[in-house]
Amino acid sequence: MESKTVPPDDPLSFLASVGIGRSLLKYQQAQPIFQQGDAADAVFYIKKGRVQITVVSDQGKEGVIAILEACEFFGEGCLEGQPLHLATASAMTESVIVRVEKSAMINQLKIDSAFSQLFMTFLLSRKAQIEADLVDQLFNSSEKRLARVLLLLANFGKDGKLEPVIPQISQDVLAARVGTTRSRVNYFMNKFRSHGFIEYNGGLKVHSSLLNVIVHD
């Protein structure tokens, strides 16, 4: 009688070590993890650092569609048969990434219900985030969109704790993420600083009072 491997209680243990179909990779700041148009044959998990997801149009215009942090997955499109990556992923800081081959990921989702639940929770959270981004883009001004991006980068609403935004983020990246020009981002950043919503002290720091920009017209 064939024996089955009993998965461990911790769903993240699968991602904690290297093994068949999975590897641990280190990336320097600005180093690409995969490029738009590369073969989509693996799912990636961020153990440490931040990752930027960008798309370039046929006309050469670049847009930042996501900024991801530790404990998030990306590249999951391969699981639904997506043959090529539709975007480029690059490290925003020194990052440690787990690369899980498509077949290994599918197998783990089948045998480990706890891991499947973890991944499903991530997918639902990602879906909600995409919907919120769409509503933000359709109905909010660029000033409010910038304020929201800064609050998200500072982990506003996560465990009730604000953290400094990574010092390496540039106004060009913020402009691409918000969908506006760098000059507009510079104007709003100066405005936020004059109101005490943000400060530059060993890196950009965001205060919860920045939420006033979003909730008030």
C-alpha atoms as a PDB file:
ATOM      1  CA  MET A   1       0.000   0.000   0.000  1.00  0.00           C
ATOM      2  CA  GLU A   2       1.448   3.358  -1.026  1.00  0.00           C
ATOM      3  CA  SER A   3       2.115   5.701   1.866  1.00  0.00           C
ATOM      4  CA  LYS A   4       1.307   9.382   1.710  1.00  0.00           C
ATOM      5  CA  THR A   5       3.572  12.118   2.941  1.00  0.00           C
ATOM      6  CA  VAL A   6       1.879  14.004   5.757  1.00  0.00           C
ATOM      7  CA  PRO A   7       2.474  17.729   5.311  1.00  0.00           C
ATOM      8  CA  PRO A   8       3.777  19.637   8.371  1.00  0.00           C
ATOM      9  CA  ASP A   9       1.491  21.777  10.508  1.00  0.00           C
ATOM     10  CA  ASP A  10       3.179  25.018   9.439  1.00  0.00           C
ATOM     11  CA  PRO A  11       2.060  25.866   5.878  1.00  0.00           C
ATOM     12  CA  LEU A  12       5.120  28.092   5.403  1.00  0.00           C
ATOM     13  CA  SER A  13       7.553  25.246   6.097  1.00  0.00           C
ATOM     14  CA  PHE A  14       7.352  24.346   2.402  1.00  0.00           C
ATOM     15  CA  LEU A  15       8.832  27.758   1.624  1.00  0.00           C
ATOM     16  CA  ALA A  16      11.383  27.724   4.433  1.00  0.00           C
ATOM     17  CA  SER A  17      13.932  25.468   2.749  1.00  0.00           C
ATOM     18  CA  VAL A  18      15.144  24.433  -0.678  1.00  0.00           C
ATOM     19  CA  GLY A  19      14.081  21.123  -2.167  1.00  0.00           C
ATOM     20  CA  ILE A  20      12.862  19.464  -5.331  1.00  0.00           C
ATOM     21  CA  GLY A  21      11.296  22.138  -7.517  1.00  0.00           C
ATOM     22  CA  ARG A  22      12.107  25.063  -5.258  1.00  0.00           C
ATOM     23  CA  SER A  23      15.165  27.231  -4.761  1.00  0.00           C
ATOM     24  CA  LEU A  24      16.238  30.206  -2.639  1.00  0.00           C
ATOM     25  CA  LEU A  25      17.519  33.181  -4.619  1.00  0.00           C
ATOM     26  CA  LYS A  26      19.066  36.497  -3.601  1.00  0.00           C
ATOM     27  CA  TYR A  27      18.710  39.701  -5.597  1.00  0.00           C
ATOM     28  CA  GLN A  28      20.358  43.096  -5.348  1.00  0.00           C
ATOM     29  CA  GLN A  29      18.468  46.364  -5.597  1.00  0.00           C
ATOM     30  CA  ALA A  30      17.083  46.967  -9.128  1.00  0.00           C
ATOM     31  CA  GLN A  31      18.029  43.449 -10.263  1.00  0.00           C
ATOM     32  CA  PRO A  32      15.330  41.843 -12.446  1.00  0.00           C
ATOM     33  CA  ILE A  33      13.734  38.616 -11.250  1.00  0.00           C
ATOM     34  CA  PHE A  34      11.967  38.012 -14.553  1.00  0.00           C
ATOM     35  CA  GLN A  35      11.221  40.116 -17.593  1.00  0.00           C
ATOM     36  CA  GLN A  36       7.996  40.819 -19.411  1.00  0.00           C
ATOM     37  CA  GLY A  37       7.725  38.145 -22.102  1.00  0.00           C
ATOM     38  CA  ASP A  38       9.828  35.531 -20.281  1.00  0.00           C
ATOM     39  CA  ALA A  39       8.420  32.025 -19.915  1.00  0.00           C
ATOM     40  CA  ALA A  40       6.023  31.816 -16.962  1.00  0.00           C
ATOM     41  CA  ASP A  41       7.006  28.539 -15.331  1.00  0.00           C
ATOM     42  CA  ALA A  42       7.253  29.286 -11.596  1.00  0.00           C
ATOM     43  CA  VAL A  43       5.625  31.028  -8.650  1.00  0.00           C
ATOM     44  CA  PHE A  44       7.718  33.309  -6.437  1.00  0.00           C
ATOM     45  CA  TYR A  45       7.470  34.091  -2.720  1.00  0.00           C
ATOM     46  CA  ILE A  46       9.145  37.053  -1.025  1.00  0.00           C
ATOM     47  CA  LYS A  47      10.953  36.039   2.153  1.00  0.00           C
ATOM     48  CA  LYS A  48      12.704  39.381   2.541  1.00  0.00           C
ATOM     49  CA  GLY A  49      12.683  42.690   0.701  1.00  0.00           C
ATOM     50  CA  ARG A  50      10.335  44.391  -1.737  1.00  0.00           C
ATOM     51  CA  VAL A  51       9.529  43.704  -5.374  1.00  0.00           C
ATOM     52  CA  GLN A  52       8.240  46.063  -8.050  1.00  0.00           C
ATOM     53  CA  ILE A  53       5.967  44.818 -10.827  1.00  0.00           C
ATOM     54  CA  THR A  54       6.046  46.926 -14.002  1.00  0.00           C
ATOM     55  CA  VAL A  55       4.509  46.773 -17.463  1.00  0.00           C
ATOM     56  CA  VAL A  56       5.813  48.444 -20.607  1.00  0.00           C
ATOM     57  CA  SER A  57       3.386  49.269 -23.419  1.00  0.00           C
ATOM     58  CA  ASP A  58       4.092  48.818 -27.128  1.00  0.00           C
ATOM     59  CA  GLN A  59       4.811  52.556 -27.217  1.00  0.00           C
ATOM     60  CA  GLY A  60       7.465  52.181 -24.506  1.00  0.00           C
ATOM     61  CA  LYS A  61       5.491  53.742 -21.667  1.00  0.00           C
ATOM     62  CA  GLU A  62       6.188  52.081 -18.311  1.00  0.00           C
ATOM     63  CA  GLY A  63       3.667  51.694 -15.501  1.00  0.00           C
ATOM     64  CA  VAL A  64       4.191  50.362 -11.980  1.00  0.00           C
ATOM     65  CA  ILE A  65       1.236  48.092 -11.276  1.00  0.00           C
ATOM     66  CA  ALA A  66       2.282  46.729  -7.885  1.00  0.00           C
ATOM     67  CA  ILE A  67       4.822  47.084  -5.112  1.00  0.00           C
ATOM     68  CA  LEU A  68       5.019  43.867  -3.109  1.00  0.00           C
ATOM     69  CA  GLU A  69       6.605  43.116   0.235  1.00  0.00           C
ATOM     70  CA  ALA A  70       7.659  40.155   2.354  1.00  0.00           C
ATOM     71  CA  CYS A  71       5.198  37.244   2.640  1.00  0.00           C
ATOM     72  CA  GLU A  72       3.587  37.941  -0.745  1.00  0.00           C
ATOM     73  CA  PHE A  73       3.520  35.735  -3.843  1.00  0.00           C
ATOM     74  CA  PHE A  74       3.893  36.790  -7.466  1.00  0.00           C
ATOM     75  CA  GLY A  75       4.083  35.055 -10.826  1.00  0.00           C
ATOM     76  CA  GLU A  76       1.011  32.987  -9.956  1.00  0.00           C
ATOM     77  CA  GLY A  77      -0.416  33.475 -13.467  1.00  0.00           C
ATOM     78  CA  CYS A  78       1.456  30.368 -14.619  1.00  0.00           C
ATOM     79  CA  LEU A  79      -0.932  28.229 -12.539  1.00  0.00           C
ATOM     80  CA  GLU A  80      -3.810  29.114 -14.847  1.00  0.00           C
ATOM     81  CA  GLY A  81      -1.879  28.363 -18.003  1.00  0.00           C
ATOM     82  CA  GLN A  82      -0.349  31.777 -18.668  1.00  0.00           C
ATOM     83  CA  PRO A  83       2.631  30.900 -20.913  1.00  0.00           C
ATOM     84  CA  LEU A  84       4.547  34.197 -20.641  1.00  0.00           C
ATOM     85  CA  HIS A  85       4.971  36.802 -17.942  1.00  0.00           C
ATOM     86  CA  LEU A  86       2.825  39.845 -18.693  1.00  0.00           C
ATOM     87  CA  ALA A  87       4.995  42.101 -16.538  1.00  0.00           C
ATOM     88  CA  THR A  88       8.538  42.554 -15.245  1.00  0.00           C
ATOM     89  CA  ALA A  89       9.431  41.858 -11.622  1.00  0.00           C
ATOM     90  CA  SER A  90      12.513  43.481 -10.095  1.00  0.00           C
ATOM     91  CA  ALA A  91      13.899  43.828  -6.588  1.00  0.00           C
ATOM     92  CA  MET A  92      13.441  47.267  -5.034  1.00  0.00           C
ATOM     93  CA  THR A  93      15.794  46.399  -2.176  1.00  0.00           C
ATOM     94  CA  GLU A  94      18.126  43.526  -1.417  1.00  0.00           C
ATOM     95  CA  SER A  95      15.654  40.643  -1.490  1.00  0.00           C
ATOM     96  CA  VAL A  96      15.465  36.939  -0.745  1.00  0.00           C
ATOM     97  CA  ILE A  97      13.006  35.122  -3.010  1.00  0.00           C
ATOM     98  CA  VAL A  98      11.769  31.538  -3.068  1.00  0.00           C
ATOM     99  CA  ARG A  99      11.236  30.240  -6.604  1.00  0.00           C
ATOM    100  CA  VAL A 100       8.786  27.332  -6.839  1.00  0.00           C
ATOM    101  CA  GLU A 101       8.455  25.531 -10.145  1.00  0.00           C
ATOM    102  CA  LYS A 102       4.911  25.300 -11.462  1.00  0.00           C
ATOM    103  CA  SER A 103       4.674  21.508 -11.059  1.00  0.00           C
ATOM    104  CA  ALA A 104       5.990  21.634  -7.477  1.00  0.00           C
ATOM    105  CA  MET A 105       3.531  24.398  -6.575  1.00  0.00           C
ATOM    106  CA  ILE A 106       0.559  22.504  -8.019  1.00  0.00           C
ATOM    107  CA  ASN A 107       1.579  19.336  -6.194  1.00  0.00           C
ATOM    108  CA  GLN A 108       1.926  21.158  -2.864  1.00  0.00           C
ATOM    109  CA  LEU A 109      -1.476  22.788  -3.265  1.00  0.00           C
ATOM    110  CA  LYS A 110      -2.970  19.340  -3.806  1.00  0.00           C
ATOM    111  CA  ILE A 111      -1.406  17.581  -0.806  1.00  0.00           C
ATOM    112  CA  ASP A 112      -1.253  20.371   1.787  1.00  0.00           C
ATOM    113  CA  SER A 113      -4.637  21.842   2.713  1.00  0.00           C
ATOM    114  CA  ALA A 114      -3.077  24.389   5.098  1.00  0.00           C
ATOM    115  CA  PHE A 115      -0.783  25.664   2.368  1.00  0.00           C
ATOM    116  CA  SER A 116      -3.716  25.760  -0.061  1.00  0.00           C
ATOM    117  CA  GLN A 117      -5.689  27.850   2.408  1.00  0.00           C
ATOM    118  CA  LEU A 118      -2.741  30.207   2.862  1.00  0.00           C
ATOM    119  CA  PHE A 119      -2.409  30.651  -0.889  1.00  0.00           C
ATOM    120  CA  MET A 120      -6.166  31.129  -1.342  1.00  0.00           C
ATOM    121  CA  THR A 121      -6.139  33.832   1.324  1.00  0.00           C
ATOM    122  CA  PHE A 122      -3.355  35.569  -0.568  1.00  0.00           C
ATOM    123  CA  LEU A 123      -5.269  35.375  -3.863  1.00  0.00           C
ATOM    124  CA  LEU A 124      -8.422  36.850  -2.299  1.00  0.00           C
ATOM    125  CA  SER A 125      -6.378  39.636  -0.727  1.00  0.00           C
ATOM    126  CA  ARG A 126      -4.689  40.351  -4.067  1.00  0.00           C
ATOM    127  CA  LYS A 127      -8.094  40.456  -5.814  1.00  0.00           C
ATOM    128  CA  ALA A 128      -9.419  42.945  -3.252  1.00  0.00           C
ATOM    129  CA  GLN A 129      -6.285  45.066  -3.662  1.00  0.00           C
ATOM    130  CA  ILE A 130      -6.649  45.146  -7.451  1.00  0.00           C
ATOM    131  CA  GLU A 131     -10.299  46.203  -7.150  1.00  0.00           C
ATOM    132  CA  ALA A 132      -9.369  48.948  -4.676  1.00  0.00           C
ATOM    133  CA  ASP A 133      -6.613  50.148  -7.032  1.00  0.00           C
ATOM    134  CA  LEU A 134      -9.103  50.306  -9.912  1.00  0.00           C
ATOM    135  CA  VAL A 135     -11.628  52.311  -7.903  1.00  0.00           C
ATOM    136  CA  ASP A 136      -8.815  54.608  -6.761  1.00  0.00           C
ATOM    137  CA  GLN A 137      -7.654  55.167 -10.343  1.00  0.00           C
ATOM    138  CA  LEU A 138     -11.177  55.828 -11.644  1.00  0.00           C
ATOM    139  CA  PHE A 139     -12.537  58.137  -8.983  1.00  0.00           C
ATOM    140  CA  ASN A 140      -9.729  59.737  -6.968  1.00  0.00           C
ATOM    141  CA  SER A 141      -7.426  62.610  -7.777  1.00  0.00           C
ATOM    142  CA  SER A 142      -3.702  62.048  -8.238  1.00  0.00           C
ATOM    143  CA  GLU A 143      -3.120  63.693  -4.837  1.00  0.00           C
ATOM    144  CA  LYS A 144      -5.363  61.156  -3.093  1.00  0.00           C
ATOM    145  CA  ARG A 145      -3.841  58.293  -5.074  1.00  0.00           C
ATOM    146  CA  LEU A 146      -0.361  59.331  -3.984  1.00  0.00           C
ATOM    147  CA  ALA A 147      -1.464  59.569  -0.358  1.00  0.00           C
ATOM    148  CA  ARG A 148      -2.945  56.074  -0.547  1.00  0.00           C
ATOM    149  CA  VAL A 149       0.216  54.614  -2.097  1.00  0.00           C
ATOM    150  CA  LEU A 150       2.369  56.161   0.638  1.00  0.00           C
ATOM    151  CA  LEU A 151       0.095  54.802   3.368  1.00  0.00           C
ATOM    152  CA  LEU A 152       0.165  51.339   1.801  1.00  0.00           C
ATOM    153  CA  LEU A 153       3.949  51.439   1.591  1.00  0.00           C
ATOM    154  CA  ALA A 154       4.044  52.385   5.260  1.00  0.00           C
ATOM    155  CA  ASN A 155       1.831  49.364   6.057  1.00  0.00           C
ATOM    156  CA  PHE A 156      -1.048  51.514   7.281  1.00  0.00           C
ATOM    157  CA  GLY A 157      -3.805  49.302   8.668  1.00  0.00           C
ATOM    158  CA  LYS A 158      -1.506  46.318   9.254  1.00  0.00           C
ATOM    159  CA  ASP A 159      -1.296  45.564  12.974  1.00  0.00           C
ATOM    160  CA  GLY A 160      -1.984  49.232  13.639  1.00  0.00           C
ATOM    161  CA  LYS A 161       1.672  50.055  13.053  1.00  0.00           C
ATOM    162  CA  LEU A 162       3.210  52.515  10.653  1.00  0.00           C
ATOM    163  CA  GLU A 163       6.685  51.858   9.310  1.00  0.00           C
ATOM    164  CA  PRO A 164       9.093  54.131   7.432  1.00  0.00           C
ATOM    165  CA  VAL A 165       8.815  53.881   3.682  1.00  0.00           C
ATOM    166  CA  ILE A 166      11.919  52.377   2.099  1.00  0.00           C
ATOM    167  CA  PRO A 167      14.463  55.147   1.499  1.00  0.00           C
ATOM    168  CA  GLN A 168      15.286  53.921  -2.019  1.00  0.00           C
ATOM    169  CA  ILE A 169      11.883  54.691  -3.523  1.00  0.00           C
ATOM    170  CA  SER A 170      12.087  57.488  -6.074  1.00  0.00           C
ATOM    171  CA  GLN A 171       9.544  60.046  -7.188  1.00  0.00           C
ATOM    172  CA  ASP A 172       9.724  58.528 -10.665  1.00  0.00           C
ATOM    173  CA  VAL A 173       8.547  55.181  -9.246  1.00  0.00           C
ATOM    174  CA  LEU A 174       5.801  56.901  -7.252  1.00  0.00           C
ATOM    175  CA  ALA A 175       4.671  58.760 -10.379  1.00  0.00           C
ATOM    176  CA  ALA A 176       4.507  55.509 -12.369  1.00  0.00           C
ATOM    177  CA  ARG A 177       2.576  53.815  -9.563  1.00  0.00           C
ATOM    178  CA  VAL A 178       0.112  56.685  -9.150  1.00  0.00           C
ATOM    179  CA  GLY A 179      -0.295  57.345 -12.864  1.00  0.00           C
ATOM    180  CA  THR A 180       0.819  60.963 -12.975  1.00  0.00           C
ATOM    181  CA  THR A 181       3.937  63.013 -13.703  1.00  0.00           C
ATOM    182  CA  ARG A 182       7.020  63.323 -11.540  1.00  0.00           C
ATOM    183  CA  SER A 183       6.488  67.082 -11.251  1.00  0.00           C
ATOM    184  CA  ARG A 184       3.007  66.514  -9.783  1.00  0.00           C
ATOM    185  CA  VAL A 185       4.387  63.974  -7.321  1.00  0.00           C
ATOM    186  CA  ASN A 186       7.085  66.455  -6.289  1.00  0.00           C
ATOM    187  CA  TYR A 187       4.449  69.163  -5.768  1.00  0.00           C
ATOM    188  CA  PHE A 188       2.249  66.925  -3.612  1.00  0.00           C
ATOM    189  CA  MET A 189       5.193  65.546  -1.621  1.00  0.00           C
ATOM    190  CA  ASN A 190       6.248  69.095  -0.737  1.00  0.00           C
ATOM    191  CA  LYS A 191       2.648  69.884   0.191  1.00  0.00           C
ATOM    192  CA  PHE A 192       2.399  66.773   2.415  1.00  0.00           C
ATOM    193  CA  ARG A 193       5.650  67.693   4.127  1.00  0.00           C
ATOM    194  CA  SER A 194       4.561  71.283   4.768  1.00  0.00           C
ATOM    195  CA  HIS A 195       1.421  69.952   6.474  1.00  0.00           C
ATOM    196  CA  GLY A 196       3.436  67.535   8.607  1.00  0.00           C
ATOM    197  CA  PHE A 197       1.971  64.423   6.943  1.00  0.00           C
ATOM    198  CA  ILE A 198       5.404  63.125   5.941  1.00  0.00           C
ATOM    199  CA  GLU A 199       8.992  63.848   6.888  1.00  0.00           C
ATOM    200  CA  TYR A 200      12.455  63.128   5.579  1.00  0.00           C
ATOM    201  CA  ASN A 201      14.624  61.941   8.433  1.00  0.00           C
ATOM    202  CA  GLY A 202      16.910  59.099   7.467  1.00  0.00           C
ATOM    203  CA  GLY A 203      14.352  58.053   4.874  1.00  0.00           C
ATOM    204  CA  LEU A 204      10.791  58.990   4.048  1.00  0.00           C
ATOM    205  CA  LYS A 205       8.449  58.603   7.015  1.00  0.00           C
ATOM    206  CA  VAL A 206       4.678  58.664   6.755  1.00  0.00           C
ATOM    207  CA  HIS A 207       2.344  59.782   9.537  1.00  0.00           C
ATOM    208  CA  SER A 208      -1.200  58.496   9.971  1.00  0.00           C
ATOM    209  CA  SER A 209      -2.440  62.088   9.579  1.00  0.00           C
ATOM    210  CA  LEU A 210      -1.872  61.640   5.827  1.00  0.00           C
ATOM    211  CA  LEU A 211      -5.174  59.771   5.883  1.00  0.00           C
ATOM    212  CA  ASN A 212      -6.837  63.215   6.083  1.00  0.00           C
ATOM    213  CA  VAL A 213      -5.966  63.750   2.421  1.00  0.00           C
ATOM    214  CA  ILE A 214      -8.026  60.692   1.487  1.00  0.00           C
ATOM    215  CA  VAL A 215     -11.059  61.119   3.722  1.00  0.00           C
ATOM    216  CA  HIS A 216     -11.529  64.858   3.188  1.00  0.00           C
ATOM    217  CA  ASP A 217     -12.239  66.646  -0.075  1.00  0.00           C
END
